[in-house]
């Protein structure tokens, strides 16, 4: 099959046609909301953040209902690359400068524990999601990359991470590629099948006695006596507390929340299971990996041996075959053994970016709490901070949380900001090609 026809006809980036939908068994159906319900806590958004918060609340014997406009994992939680990476875009010194030593150290500790938090939760609730904790690699090529990665590896190791440097031979053995000249390795990292993980979390909510309602978008929210009233097309929920966990798929339900993040799109392609000759193995140890480009590429093998690679995608929900050409070309540059291999899976999803590249936890009003903006680190940090979100929901500012709350701060000229992001991405793509 030719390169131009390597994508299956009709696949246009939809959720239903992603690799993860293809390899995730359909769960036992959840109902849509068709009545009025009284509950202690309502969680809006059935992704990692909302579902983890719901589990934490249910384990504290608190009544919880979760609603979603589509289904568990429909957003970024079911579309991402499944990489579990226990570090943030900011280094430890920057976090301490931003928040002070005590709060900064708390954020660092949460970050370093984030992968273990994911895998411990999976083991504790026996979630079948192809989880492997074999480590994460970041590889580089240029001398400038080398200085950056050496510093990054050293800084995070001194902060407590199990990190080590990879020389040319090390990274060739681990990656299965001669493309990279060096890199660093985080032992705590790993991967999951992201949609299986999201659906597994929803099943845990159900097993613990919580309610999950699908195809039930929140269309209106208001005060009703001492409770919050949230309306959906088929019903209403009265709740003492409301948690907003909609991230890259946030709407205008709460004024200003949608404008506090900028959605960008991440696109992925995948092969069928690979049968490679000895010496051509890709990531033989099962690690996940990223490069150091401004518009980063991230890649891995899935449980059946497919090669999956992702990168920043076009700003649209519907894709065409041409959108995937550059990412397939990159895959074949890193791994020439993929030259004649087809990529039948193509999909994309939204990533919520914040101005400071940190997740934002907000007390929006008495009884209303929100958490948005994972900046591409959602598997580990959304799971970890989902538990913090549950505590924040109950806390009502009475005790110190392990992650800071901030005031809601909508981005000025939000629409123009999205145009700026598009231009920046185009500029970064040119710089990456030059470098």
Protein backbone atom coordinates (compact mmCIF):
# COMPACT_ATOMS: atom_id res chain seq x y z
CA UNK A 1 0.00 0.00 0.00
CA UNK A 2 1.35 3.46 -0.84
CA UNK A 3 2.20 6.09 1.73
CA UNK A 4 -0.69 8.27 0.60
CA UNK A 5 -3.20 5.48 1.20
CA UNK A 6 -1.80 4.24 4.48
CA UNK A 7 -4.77 5.56 6.47
CA UNK A 8 -7.92 3.49 6.36
CA UNK A 9 -10.65 5.05 4.26
CA UNK A 10 -13.17 7.00 6.31
CA UNK A 11 -11.02 7.46 9.42
CA UNK A 12 -11.14 11.16 10.15
CA UNK A 13 -9.74 11.47 13.63
CA UNK A 14 -12.92 10.64 15.49
CA UNK A 15 -13.03 9.19 18.99
CA UNK A 16 -14.77 6.03 17.79
CA UNK A 17 -12.01 5.29 15.28
CA UNK A 18 -9.02 5.81 17.56
CA UNK A 19 -6.70 2.93 18.38
CA UNK A 20 -7.84 3.11 21.98
CA UNK A 21 -11.51 2.72 21.05
CA UNK A 22 -10.54 -0.16 18.76
CA UNK A 23 -8.75 -2.02 21.58
CA UNK A 24 -10.99 -1.15 24.55
CA UNK A 25 -13.98 -3.42 25.21
CA UNK A 26 -17.26 -1.58 25.56
CA UNK A 27 -18.19 -1.24 29.24
CA UNK A 28 -21.50 -2.17 30.78
CA UNK A 29 -23.72 0.74 29.69
CA UNK A 30 -24.28 3.74 31.93
CA UNK A 31 -27.66 5.53 31.87
CA UNK A 32 -28.32 9.11 30.89
CA UNK A 33 -29.96 11.36 33.46
CA UNK A 34 -33.74 11.23 33.04
CA UNK A 35 -35.00 12.42 36.43
CA UNK A 36 -34.31 14.71 39.37
CA UNK A 37 -31.58 13.58 41.75
CA UNK A 38 -30.48 14.84 45.17
CA UNK A 39 -26.84 14.18 45.96
CA UNK A 40 -24.08 15.41 48.25
CA UNK A 41 -21.41 15.97 45.56
CA UNK A 42 -21.91 16.30 41.81
CA UNK A 43 -18.84 15.84 39.61
CA UNK A 44 -19.10 17.30 36.10
CA UNK A 45 -16.71 15.53 33.75
CA UNK A 46 -15.96 11.79 33.55
CA UNK A 47 -12.25 11.94 32.78
CA UNK A 48 -9.34 11.05 35.03
CA UNK A 49 -9.75 14.15 37.21
CA UNK A 50 -13.45 13.82 37.88
CA UNK A 51 -13.48 10.04 38.24
CA UNK A 52 -10.49 10.00 40.60
CA UNK A 53 -12.12 12.73 42.69
CA UNK A 54 -15.34 10.69 42.76
CA UNK A 55 -13.48 7.57 43.91
CA UNK A 56 -11.75 9.51 46.68
CA UNK A 57 -15.08 10.92 47.87
CA UNK A 58 -16.85 7.55 47.72
CA UNK A 59 -14.07 6.00 49.80
CA UNK A 60 -14.88 8.65 52.40
CA UNK A 61 -18.54 7.46 52.36
CA UNK A 62 -19.81 10.56 50.57
CA UNK A 63 -22.65 10.27 48.04
CA UNK A 64 -21.42 11.14 44.54
CA UNK A 65 -22.87 11.41 41.06
CA UNK A 66 -20.81 12.00 37.91
CA UNK A 67 -22.25 13.43 34.70
CA UNK A 68 -20.62 13.72 31.30
CA UNK A 69 -21.70 15.27 28.02
CA UNK A 70 -20.60 12.09 26.23
CA UNK A 71 -19.13 9.10 28.08
CA UNK A 72 -16.24 8.27 30.42
CA UNK A 73 -12.95 8.96 28.66
CA UNK A 74 -14.49 10.72 25.66
CA UNK A 75 -12.22 13.74 26.09
CA UNK A 76 -8.46 13.83 26.51
CA UNK A 77 -8.56 10.97 29.03
CA UNK A 78 -9.52 8.50 26.32
CA UNK A 79 -7.46 9.98 23.49
CA UNK A 80 -4.01 10.75 24.93
CA UNK A 81 -0.82 8.77 24.35
CA UNK A 82 -1.12 6.89 27.63
CA UNK A 83 2.30 8.02 28.84
CA UNK A 84 2.61 8.36 32.62
CA UNK A 85 5.42 10.87 33.21
CA UNK A 86 6.28 11.92 36.79
CA UNK A 87 7.69 15.37 36.13
CA UNK A 88 6.38 18.82 35.22
CA UNK A 89 7.37 21.32 32.57
CA UNK A 90 8.80 23.58 35.32
CA UNK A 91 11.91 22.42 37.14
CA UNK A 92 11.99 22.22 40.97
CA UNK A 93 13.86 25.51 41.45
CA UNK A 94 11.29 27.36 39.35
CA UNK A 95 8.40 25.83 41.31
CA UNK A 96 9.98 26.91 44.60
CA UNK A 97 10.58 30.41 43.25
CA UNK A 98 6.95 30.64 42.15
CA UNK A 99 5.33 29.27 45.33
CA UNK A 100 7.93 29.40 48.09
CA UNK A 101 9.88 26.52 49.57
CA UNK A 102 7.05 24.76 51.43
CA UNK A 103 4.36 24.85 48.73
CA UNK A 104 6.92 24.37 45.97
CA UNK A 105 8.28 21.27 47.68
CA UNK A 106 4.75 19.92 48.07
CA UNK A 107 4.10 20.33 44.33
CA UNK A 108 7.41 18.61 43.55
CA UNK A 109 6.55 15.68 45.83
CA UNK A 110 3.08 15.31 44.27
CA UNK A 111 4.70 15.33 40.84
CA UNK A 112 7.33 12.75 41.72
CA UNK A 113 4.67 10.47 43.22
CA UNK A 114 2.20 10.95 40.36
CA UNK A 115 3.15 7.84 38.38
CA UNK A 116 3.15 5.66 41.49
CA UNK A 117 -0.25 7.12 42.37
CA UNK A 118 -1.62 5.95 39.01
CA UNK A 119 -0.18 2.45 39.18
CA UNK A 120 -1.10 2.00 42.86
CA UNK A 121 -4.70 2.97 42.07
CA UNK A 122 -4.78 0.52 39.16
CA UNK A 123 -3.49 -2.31 41.34
CA UNK A 124 -5.74 -1.48 44.28
CA UNK A 125 -8.90 -1.61 42.17
CA UNK A 126 -7.72 -4.28 39.72
CA UNK A 127 -8.23 -2.06 36.64
CA UNK A 128 -7.45 -3.88 33.39
CA UNK A 129 -5.71 -1.21 31.29
CA UNK A 130 -2.42 -2.74 30.04
CA UNK A 131 -0.49 -0.85 32.71
CA UNK A 132 3.31 -1.14 32.66
CA UNK A 133 5.75 0.87 34.76
CA UNK A 134 8.93 0.38 32.75
CA UNK A 135 10.17 3.98 32.64
CA UNK A 136 10.17 7.01 30.36
CA UNK A 137 12.93 8.29 28.07
CA UNK A 138 13.61 11.72 26.62
CA UNK A 139 16.09 11.65 23.76
CA UNK A 140 18.10 14.42 22.10
CA UNK A 141 20.50 14.96 19.22
CA UNK A 142 22.22 18.37 19.28
CA UNK A 143 24.84 19.82 21.63
CA UNK A 144 22.29 22.37 22.91
CA UNK A 145 19.91 19.50 23.69
CA UNK A 146 22.66 17.73 25.58
CA UNK A 147 23.26 20.61 27.97
CA UNK A 148 19.53 21.00 28.58
CA UNK A 149 18.92 17.31 29.21
CA UNK A 150 22.00 16.89 31.41
CA UNK A 151 20.78 19.73 33.61
CA UNK A 152 17.23 18.39 33.64
CA UNK A 153 18.32 14.90 34.61
CA UNK A 154 20.57 16.24 37.37
CA UNK A 155 17.98 18.68 38.74
CA UNK A 156 15.22 16.10 38.99
CA UNK A 157 17.56 13.48 40.44
CA UNK A 158 18.58 15.93 43.18
CA UNK A 159 14.88 16.61 43.80
CA UNK A 160 14.32 12.92 44.48
CA UNK A 161 13.51 11.37 41.10
CA UNK A 162 15.00 8.03 40.05
CA UNK A 163 16.67 9.60 37.02
CA UNK A 164 19.83 8.68 35.15
CA UNK A 165 21.77 9.83 32.10
CA UNK A 166 21.83 7.81 28.88
CA UNK A 167 24.87 7.91 26.61
CA UNK A 168 24.78 7.05 22.90
CA UNK A 169 24.91 3.30 23.39
CA UNK A 170 22.43 3.35 26.28
CA UNK A 171 19.76 5.21 24.35
CA UNK A 172 20.29 3.13 21.22
CA UNK A 173 19.68 -0.05 23.20
CA UNK A 174 16.62 1.30 25.03
CA UNK A 175 14.99 3.07 22.09
CA UNK A 176 15.96 0.67 19.31
CA UNK A 177 16.99 3.67 17.20
CA UNK A 178 20.24 5.32 16.08
CA UNK A 179 18.43 8.63 15.66
CA UNK A 180 19.15 9.87 19.21
CA UNK A 181 22.63 10.59 20.54
CA UNK A 182 21.84 10.78 24.26
CA UNK A 183 18.98 11.24 26.70
CA UNK A 184 17.78 10.73 30.23
CA UNK A 185 15.62 8.09 31.86
CA UNK A 186 12.94 8.31 34.57
CA UNK A 187 12.41 4.92 36.18
CA UNK A 188 9.00 5.72 37.65
CA UNK A 189 7.34 6.43 34.30
CA UNK A 190 5.22 4.03 32.34
CA UNK A 191 2.12 3.67 30.23
CA UNK A 192 -1.53 2.66 30.22
CA UNK A 193 -4.18 2.07 27.60
CA UNK A 194 -5.80 5.43 28.33
CA UNK A 195 -9.40 4.66 27.41
CA UNK A 196 -9.34 1.35 29.28
CA UNK A 197 -8.01 3.28 32.27
CA UNK A 198 -10.78 5.89 32.09
CA UNK A 199 -13.49 3.26 31.64
CA UNK A 200 -11.96 1.27 34.47
CA UNK A 201 -12.12 4.28 36.79
CA UNK A 202 -15.79 4.77 35.87
CA UNK A 203 -16.45 1.13 36.72
CA UNK A 204 -14.76 1.63 40.10
CA UNK A 205 -17.10 4.58 40.76
CA UNK A 206 -20.04 2.31 39.98
CA UNK A 207 -18.72 -0.54 42.14
CA UNK A 208 -18.25 1.84 45.07
CA UNK A 209 -21.89 2.91 44.85
CA UNK A 210 -21.57 6.12 42.85
CA UNK A 211 -23.77 7.07 39.90
CA UNK A 212 -22.41 7.84 36.43
CA UNK A 213 -24.69 9.49 33.86
CA UNK A 214 -23.64 9.68 30.19
CA UNK A 215 -24.98 11.82 27.33
CA UNK A 216 -25.96 14.28 30.06
CA UNK A 217 -24.26 17.64 29.43
CA UNK A 218 -24.58 20.28 32.12
CA UNK A 219 -26.40 23.14 30.40
CA UNK A 220 -27.29 25.39 33.32
CA UNK A 221 -26.08 25.86 36.89
CA UNK A 222 -27.67 28.02 39.57
CA UNK A 223 -28.27 28.34 43.30
CA UNK A 224 -31.41 26.63 44.58
CA UNK A 225 -31.90 27.35 48.26
CA UNK A 226 -28.88 25.94 50.05
CA UNK A 227 -27.98 23.68 47.14
CA UNK A 228 -26.66 23.97 43.62
CA UNK A 229 -28.99 23.04 40.79
CA UNK A 230 -27.43 21.63 37.61
CA UNK A 231 -29.73 20.99 34.66
CA UNK A 232 -29.17 18.53 31.82
CA UNK A 233 -31.42 17.91 28.79
CA UNK A 234 -33.13 15.05 30.62
CA UNK A 235 -33.09 15.99 34.27
CA UNK A 236 -31.75 18.00 37.19
CA UNK A 237 -29.31 17.34 40.00
CA UNK A 238 -29.45 19.16 43.32
CA UNK A 239 -26.09 18.96 45.08
CA UNK A 240 -24.51 20.39 48.20
CA UNK A 241 -21.21 20.67 46.33
CA UNK A 242 -20.23 20.73 42.67
CA UNK A 243 -16.87 19.77 41.18
CA UNK A 244 -15.98 20.97 37.67
CA UNK A 245 -13.47 18.66 35.96
CA UNK A 246 -13.89 19.27 32.24
CA UNK A 247 -10.36 20.40 31.29
CA UNK A 248 -9.93 20.76 27.49
CA UNK A 249 -13.66 20.31 26.90
CA UNK A 250 -14.78 23.06 29.29
CA UNK A 251 -17.84 25.07 28.21
CA UNK A 252 -19.31 28.38 29.38
CA UNK A 253 -21.21 26.69 32.24
CA UNK A 254 -19.22 28.75 34.77
CA UNK A 255 -18.34 32.30 33.64
CA UNK A 256 -14.67 32.69 32.78
CA UNK A 257 -13.59 29.08 33.32
CA UNK A 258 -13.53 28.24 29.61
CA UNK A 259 -11.43 31.35 28.99
CA UNK A 260 -8.84 30.39 31.64
CA UNK A 261 -7.22 27.80 29.37
CA UNK A 262 -6.32 27.64 25.70
CA UNK A 263 -7.21 24.39 23.93
CA UNK A 264 -4.62 22.97 21.57
CA UNK A 265 -4.90 19.76 19.61
CA UNK A 266 -2.73 16.68 19.85
CA UNK A 267 -2.85 14.15 17.00
CA UNK A 268 -1.77 10.50 16.97
CA UNK A 269 -1.31 7.71 14.46
CA UNK A 270 -0.67 4.01 15.02
CA UNK A 271 0.31 0.89 13.12
CA UNK A 272 -1.12 -2.59 13.34
CA UNK A 273 0.88 -5.03 15.55
CA UNK A 274 4.45 -5.17 14.26
CA UNK A 275 6.43 -8.26 13.35
CA UNK A 276 10.02 -7.01 13.20
CA UNK A 277 13.24 -8.93 12.59
CA UNK A 278 15.87 -9.29 15.29
CA UNK A 279 17.86 -6.08 15.59
CA UNK A 280 14.94 -3.96 14.38
CA UNK A 281 13.00 -3.98 17.62
CA UNK A 282 11.39 -0.67 18.65
CA UNK A 283 11.52 0.23 22.36
CA UNK A 284 12.26 -3.40 23.27
CA UNK A 285 11.95 -2.81 27.01
CA UNK A 286 8.47 -1.32 26.75
CA UNK A 287 9.47 2.21 27.77
CA UNK A 288 7.67 5.31 26.52
CA UNK A 289 9.62 8.11 24.88
CA UNK A 290 9.58 11.74 23.75
CA UNK A 291 12.01 13.94 21.83
CA UNK A 292 13.17 17.49 22.60
CA UNK A 293 11.57 19.42 19.76
CA UNK A 294 9.54 22.53 20.53
CA UNK A 295 6.53 20.66 19.14
CA UNK A 296 7.35 17.45 20.91
CA UNK A 297 6.80 13.97 19.47
CA UNK A 298 5.86 11.20 21.90
CA UNK A 299 5.80 7.52 21.07
CA UNK A 300 5.48 4.00 22.48
CA UNK A 301 4.37 0.46 21.72
CA UNK A 302 0.99 -0.77 22.91
CA UNK A 303 0.29 -4.12 24.57
CA UNK A 304 -0.14 -5.85 21.20
CA UNK A 305 3.05 -4.38 19.73
CA UNK A 306 1.61 -1.53 17.68
CA UNK A 307 3.73 1.60 17.29
CA UNK A 308 1.94 4.77 18.40
CA UNK A 309 3.28 8.28 17.83
CA UNK A 310 1.73 11.67 18.59
CA UNK A 311 2.48 15.36 18.16
CA UNK A 312 0.77 18.72 18.03
CA UNK A 313 -2.07 18.58 15.50
CA UNK A 314 -4.19 21.00 13.47
CA UNK A 315 -6.86 23.04 15.26
CA UNK A 316 -9.86 20.95 14.24
CA UNK A 317 -11.83 17.94 15.40
CA UNK A 318 -12.08 16.33 11.96
CA UNK A 319 -8.82 15.26 10.32
CA UNK A 320 -7.90 14.15 6.83
CA UNK A 321 -5.14 11.92 5.51
CA UNK A 322 -2.87 14.84 4.67
CA UNK A 323 -2.83 16.00 8.30
CA UNK A 324 -0.94 12.86 9.31
CA UNK A 325 1.79 12.87 6.66
CA UNK A 326 4.39 14.81 8.64
CA UNK A 327 3.99 12.73 11.79
CA UNK A 328 4.26 9.47 9.82
CA UNK A 329 7.37 10.83 8.10
CA UNK A 330 8.85 11.59 11.54
CA UNK A 331 8.12 8.04 12.73
CA UNK A 332 9.93 6.64 9.69
CA UNK A 333 12.89 8.97 10.24
CA UNK A 334 13.35 7.76 13.81
CA UNK A 335 12.64 4.14 12.89
CA UNK A 336 13.52 3.41 9.23
CA UNK A 337 12.14 -0.12 9.69
CA UNK A 338 8.67 1.50 9.52
CA UNK A 339 9.26 2.69 5.94
CA UNK A 340 6.81 0.21 4.40
CA UNK A 341 4.52 -0.12 7.41
CA UNK A 342 1.01 1.33 7.22
CA UNK A 343 -0.61 3.58 9.85
CA UNK A 344 -4.33 2.73 9.79
CA UNK A 345 -5.29 4.65 12.94
CA UNK A 346 -5.62 8.44 13.14
CA UNK A 347 -7.24 10.51 15.88
CA UNK A 348 -6.86 13.71 17.86
CA UNK A 349 -8.03 15.44 21.02
CA UNK A 350 -7.79 18.70 22.93
CA UNK A 351 -5.16 19.55 25.52
CA UNK A 352 -5.92 22.40 27.95
CA UNK A 353 -2.96 24.78 28.24
CA UNK A 354 -2.64 27.44 30.94
CA UNK A 355 -0.65 30.67 30.84
CA UNK A 356 1.82 29.42 33.47
CA UNK A 357 1.91 25.77 32.28
CA UNK A 358 0.50 24.55 35.60
CA UNK A 359 -2.85 22.96 36.52
CA UNK A 360 -5.23 25.44 38.16
CA UNK A 361 -7.29 24.53 41.23
CA UNK A 362 -10.07 27.02 41.96
CA UNK A 363 -12.61 27.62 44.72
CA UNK A 364 -15.16 29.35 42.46
CA UNK A 365 -17.89 29.88 45.05
CA UNK A 366 -19.01 28.29 48.31
CA UNK A 367 -19.53 24.65 47.37
CA UNK A 368 -18.05 24.93 43.85
CA UNK A 369 -14.52 23.76 43.04
CA UNK A 370 -12.76 23.34 39.69
CA UNK A 371 -9.52 21.87 38.37
CA UNK A 372 -8.36 22.47 34.78
CA UNK A 373 -5.21 22.78 32.67
CA UNK A 374 -2.89 19.77 32.65
CA UNK A 375 -0.70 21.01 29.79
CA UNK A 376 -0.05 17.55 28.35
CA UNK A 377 0.78 15.84 31.67
CA UNK A 378 -2.73 14.62 32.32
CA UNK A 379 -2.43 10.90 33.06
CA UNK A 380 -0.27 11.23 36.15
CA UNK A 381 -1.20 14.70 37.35
CA UNK A 382 -4.96 14.46 36.68
CA UNK A 383 -5.09 11.26 38.71
CA UNK A 384 -2.98 12.74 41.49
CA UNK A 385 -4.73 16.10 41.62
CA UNK A 386 -8.14 14.47 41.30
CA UNK A 387 -7.61 13.27 44.85
CA UNK A 388 -6.58 16.79 45.88
CA UNK A 389 -9.71 18.12 44.16
CA UNK A 390 -11.84 15.84 46.32
CA UNK A 391 -10.16 17.20 49.44
CA UNK A 392 -10.58 20.77 48.18
CA UNK A 393 -14.27 20.15 47.57
CA UNK A 394 -14.75 19.11 51.20
CA UNK A 395 -12.20 21.48 52.68
CA UNK A 396 -13.91 24.80 51.91
CA UNK A 397 -10.59 26.55 52.66
CA UNK A 398 -10.37 25.28 56.25
CA UNK A 399 -7.05 23.47 55.94
CA UNK A 400 -3.87 23.53 53.92
CA UNK A 401 -4.02 21.48 50.73
CA UNK A 402 -0.94 19.85 49.15
CA UNK A 403 -1.55 21.90 45.98
CA UNK A 404 -2.32 25.64 45.93
CA UNK A 405 -5.68 27.11 44.99
CA UNK A 406 -5.70 30.20 42.80
CA UNK A 407 -8.25 32.81 41.78
CA UNK A 408 -9.94 32.27 38.43
CA UNK A 409 -8.12 34.47 35.93
CA UNK A 410 -9.59 34.40 32.41
CA UNK A 411 -7.01 35.01 29.70
CA UNK A 412 -7.42 38.46 28.14
CA UNK A 413 -8.39 38.52 24.48
CA UNK A 414 -8.96 34.77 24.68
CA UNK A 415 -10.02 34.37 21.06
CA UNK A 416 -7.01 36.30 19.82
CA UNK A 417 -4.83 34.21 22.11
CA UNK A 418 -5.92 31.08 20.25
CA UNK A 419 -4.89 32.71 16.98
CA UNK A 420 -1.54 33.53 18.56
CA UNK A 421 -1.09 29.90 19.60
CA UNK A 422 -1.72 28.79 16.02
CA UNK A 423 0.91 31.22 14.74
CA UNK A 424 3.37 30.15 17.44
CA UNK A 425 2.90 26.48 16.54
CA UNK A 426 3.55 27.25 12.87
CA UNK A 427 6.69 29.19 13.85
CA UNK A 428 7.92 26.41 16.14
CA UNK A 429 7.38 23.88 13.36
CA UNK A 430 9.67 25.90 11.10
CA UNK A 431 12.33 26.16 13.83
CA UNK A 432 12.13 22.42 14.49
CA UNK A 433 12.66 21.67 10.82
CA UNK A 434 15.66 23.99 10.67
CA UNK A 435 17.22 22.49 13.79
